[in-house]
Amino acid sequence: MSNSVSRFLEGLIVGGIFGYLFGIVSAPKTGADLRKQIAESSEDLYRQASESLTELKEQTGHTIHDIQSKGTEAIKKASASVKETKEQLTCKLDELAGQGAKVLVEETEVN
């Protein structure tokens, strides 16, 4: 039994060494290189996000300005339309009042 235990431990140690060596050889980068790459990638991501936010702010500002301009134009047109309709109604009411006064005068003269 001691022979099989020693063979098992020998295999375990040799397997561990081969696994460690294989891991070192097949690892794409060292820890320092990997940390450096992660730091650079995060800086690039931050820069891109910052640029995107700046661009979005500019687009939003232009859109808000366009909406305000169109809203102002719509309000001016609506105001002009209301004013014109009011003037037309005033003229019609004056005309109807004049006709009503004529009818009253004619009715008074007939009676």
C-alpha atoms as a PDB file:
ATOM      1  CA  MET A   1       0.000   0.000   0.000  1.00  0.00           C
ATOM      2  CA  SER A   2       2.840   2.372   0.674  1.00  0.00           C
ATOM      3  CA  ASN A   3       4.041   1.778  -2.866  1.00  0.00           C
ATOM      4  CA  SER A   4       0.680   2.805  -4.340  1.00  0.00           C
ATOM      5  CA  VAL A   5       0.473   5.867  -2.080  1.00  0.00           C
ATOM      6  CA  SER A   6       3.950   6.958  -3.053  1.00  0.00           C
ATOM      7  CA  ARG A   7       3.141   6.399  -6.748  1.00  0.00           C
ATOM      8  CA  PHE A   8      -0.042   8.439  -6.306  1.00  0.00           C
ATOM      9  CA  LEU A   9       1.876  11.292  -4.632  1.00  0.00           C
ATOM     10  CA  GLU A  10       4.554  11.091  -7.306  1.00  0.00           C
ATOM     11  CA  GLY A  11       1.918  11.306 -10.031  1.00  0.00           C
ATOM     12  CA  LEU A  12       0.188  14.155  -8.218  1.00  0.00           C
ATOM     13  CA  ILE A  13       3.399  16.148  -7.920  1.00  0.00           C
ATOM     14  CA  VAL A  14       4.493  15.483 -11.499  1.00  0.00           C
ATOM     15  CA  GLY A  15       0.988  16.282 -12.792  1.00  0.00           C
ATOM     16  CA  GLY A  16       0.905  19.490 -10.758  1.00  0.00           C
ATOM     17  CA  ILE A  17       4.291  20.565 -12.115  1.00  0.00           C
ATOM     18  CA  PHE A  18       3.273  19.792 -15.716  1.00  0.00           C
ATOM     19  CA  GLY A  19      -0.027  21.630 -15.208  1.00  0.00           C
ATOM     20  CA  TYR A  20       1.744  24.654 -13.767  1.00  0.00           C
ATOM     21  CA  LEU A  21       4.299  24.724 -16.588  1.00  0.00           C
ATOM     22  CA  PHE A  22       1.597  24.289 -19.210  1.00  0.00           C
ATOM     23  CA  GLY A  23      -0.376  27.144 -17.648  1.00  0.00           C
ATOM     24  CA  ILE A  24       2.647  29.447 -17.643  1.00  0.00           C
ATOM     25  CA  VAL A  25       3.582  28.585 -21.231  1.00  0.00           C
ATOM     26  CA  SER A  26       0.053  28.849 -22.593  1.00  0.00           C
ATOM     27  CA  ALA A  27      -0.931  32.012 -20.666  1.00  0.00           C
ATOM     28  CA  PRO A  28      -1.374  34.831 -23.174  1.00  0.00           C
ATOM     29  CA  LYS A  29      -0.049  37.597 -20.922  1.00  0.00           C
ATOM     30  CA  THR A  30       1.486  38.148 -17.567  1.00  0.00           C
ATOM     31  CA  GLY A  31      -0.545  39.622 -14.742  1.00  0.00           C
ATOM     32  CA  ALA A  32       1.125  43.015 -15.130  1.00  0.00           C
ATOM     33  CA  ASP A  33       0.453  43.035 -18.885  1.00  0.00           C
ATOM     34  CA  LEU A  34      -3.156  42.020 -18.312  1.00  0.00           C
ATOM     35  CA  ARG A  35      -3.681  44.758 -15.713  1.00  0.00           C
ATOM     36  CA  LYS A  36      -2.106  47.293 -18.082  1.00  0.00           C
ATOM     37  CA  GLN A  37      -4.416  46.171 -20.907  1.00  0.00           C
ATOM     38  CA  ILE A  38      -7.467  46.397 -18.636  1.00  0.00           C
ATOM     39  CA  ALA A  39      -6.452  49.908 -17.521  1.00  0.00           C
ATOM     40  CA  GLU A  40      -5.950  51.042 -21.128  1.00  0.00           C
ATOM     41  CA  SER A  41      -9.246  49.493 -22.204  1.00  0.00           C
ATOM     42  CA  SER A  42     -11.096  51.192 -19.352  1.00  0.00           C
ATOM     43  CA  GLU A  43      -9.521  54.545 -20.291  1.00  0.00           C
ATOM     44  CA  ASP A  44     -10.601  54.045 -23.917  1.00  0.00           C
ATOM     45  CA  LEU A  45     -14.098  53.109 -22.792  1.00  0.00           C
ATOM     46  CA  TYR A  46     -14.284  56.200 -20.549  1.00  0.00           C
ATOM     47  CA  ARG A  47     -13.070  58.449 -23.389  1.00  0.00           C
ATOM     48  CA  GLN A  48     -15.593  56.978 -25.830  1.00  0.00           C
ATOM     49  CA  ALA A  49     -18.408  57.340 -23.310  1.00  0.00           C
ATOM     50  CA  SER A  50     -17.403  60.941 -22.632  1.00  0.00           C
ATOM     51  CA  GLU A  51     -17.339  61.738 -26.353  1.00  0.00           C
ATOM     52  CA  SER A  52     -20.718  60.072 -26.830  1.00  0.00           C
ATOM     53  CA  LEU A  53     -22.216  62.099 -23.971  1.00  0.00           C
ATOM     54  CA  THR A  54     -20.821  65.333 -25.400  1.00  0.00           C
ATOM     55  CA  GLU A  55     -22.240  64.480 -28.806  1.00  0.00           C
ATOM     56  CA  LEU A  56     -25.600  63.565 -27.265  1.00  0.00           C
ATOM     57  CA  LYS A  57     -25.703  66.892 -25.372  1.00  0.00           C
ATOM     58  CA  GLU A  58     -25.049  68.792 -28.603  1.00  0.00           C
ATOM     59  CA  GLN A  59     -27.736  66.876 -30.496  1.00  0.00           C
ATOM     60  CA  THR A  60     -30.189  67.371 -27.642  1.00  0.00           C
ATOM     61  CA  GLY A  61     -29.435  71.108 -27.585  1.00  0.00           C
ATOM     62  CA  HIS A  62     -30.064  71.390 -31.323  1.00  0.00           C
ATOM     63  CA  THR A  63     -33.273  69.386 -31.045  1.00  0.00           C
ATOM     64  CA  ILE A  64     -34.553  71.522 -28.160  1.00  0.00           C
ATOM     65  CA  HIS A  65     -33.751  74.694 -30.106  1.00  0.00           C
ATOM     66  CA  ASP A  66     -35.601  73.350 -33.184  1.00  0.00           C
ATOM     67  CA  ILE A  67     -38.621  72.380 -31.086  1.00  0.00           C
ATOM     68  CA  GLN A  68     -38.690  75.811 -29.425  1.00  0.00           C
ATOM     69  CA  SER A  69     -38.476  77.553 -32.809  1.00  0.00           C
ATOM     70  CA  LYS A  70     -41.245  75.421 -34.269  1.00  0.00           C
ATOM     71  CA  GLY A  71     -43.346  75.915 -31.147  1.00  0.00           C
ATOM     72  CA  THR A  72     -42.916  79.678 -31.362  1.00  0.00           C
ATOM     73  CA  GLU A  73     -43.884  79.636 -35.040  1.00  0.00           C
ATOM     74  CA  ALA A  74     -46.938  77.488 -34.305  1.00  0.00           C
ATOM     75  CA  ILE A  75     -48.017  79.834 -31.513  1.00  0.00           C
ATOM     76  CA  LYS A  76     -47.622  82.863 -33.798  1.00  0.00           C
ATOM     77  CA  LYS A  77     -49.662  81.177 -36.549  1.00  0.00           C
ATOM     78  CA  ALA A  78     -52.353  80.099 -34.094  1.00  0.00           C
ATOM     79  CA  SER A  79     -52.481  83.589 -32.600  1.00  0.00           C
ATOM     80  CA  ALA A  80     -52.799  85.160 -36.058  1.00  0.00           C
ATOM     81  CA  SER A  81     -55.518  82.682 -36.974  1.00  0.00           C
ATOM     82  CA  VAL A  82     -57.447  83.403 -33.760  1.00  0.00           C
ATOM     83  CA  LYS A  83     -57.094  87.143 -34.328  1.00  0.00           C
ATOM     84  CA  GLU A  84     -58.312  86.821 -37.923  1.00  0.00           C
ATOM     85  CA  THR A  85     -61.265  84.661 -36.873  1.00  0.00           C
ATOM     86  CA  LYS A  86     -62.102  87.133 -34.104  1.00  0.00           C
ATOM     87  CA  GLU A  87     -62.074  90.015 -36.602  1.00  0.00           C
ATOM     88  CA  GLN A  88     -64.288  88.049 -38.995  1.00  0.00           C
ATOM     89  CA  LEU A  89     -66.738  87.250 -36.191  1.00  0.00           C
ATOM     90  CA  THR A  90     -66.744  90.889 -35.073  1.00  0.00           C
ATOM     91  CA  CYS A  91     -67.548  92.008 -38.620  1.00  0.00           C
ATOM     92  CA  LYS A  92     -70.327  89.423 -38.929  1.00  0.00           C
ATOM     93  CA  LEU A  93     -71.778  90.423 -35.562  1.00  0.00           C
ATOM     94  CA  ASP A  94     -71.671  94.107 -36.534  1.00  0.00           C
ATOM     95  CA  GLU A  95     -73.337  93.242 -39.834  1.00  0.00           C
ATOM     96  CA  LEU A  96     -76.032  91.183 -38.090  1.00  0.00           C
ATOM     97  CA  ALA A  97     -76.548  93.929 -35.509  1.00  0.00           C
ATOM     98  CA  GLY A  98     -76.992  96.438 -38.332  1.00  0.00           C
ATOM     99  CA  GLN A  99     -79.503  94.180 -40.055  1.00  0.00           C
ATOM    100  CA  GLY A 100     -81.326  93.613 -36.768  1.00  0.00           C
ATOM    101  CA  ALA A 101     -81.522  97.371 -36.198  1.00  0.00           C
ATOM    102  CA  LYS A 102     -82.957  97.877 -39.723  1.00  0.00           C
ATOM    103  CA  VAL A 103     -85.595  95.229 -39.102  1.00  0.00           C
ATOM    104  CA  LEU A 104     -86.576  96.908 -35.833  1.00  0.00           C
ATOM    105  CA  VAL A 105     -86.791 100.311 -37.503  1.00  0.00           C
ATOM    106  CA  GLU A 106     -88.834  98.903 -40.377  1.00  0.00           C
ATOM    107  CA  GLU A 107     -91.134  97.081 -37.978  1.00  0.00           C
ATOM    108  CA  THR A 108     -91.598 100.225 -35.950  1.00  0.00           C
ATOM    109  CA  GLU A 109     -92.456 102.211 -39.063  1.00  0.00           C
ATOM    110  CA  VAL A 110     -94.922  99.592 -40.231  1.00  0.00           C
ATOM    111  CA  ASN A 111     -96.801  99.505 -36.965  1.00  0.00           C
END
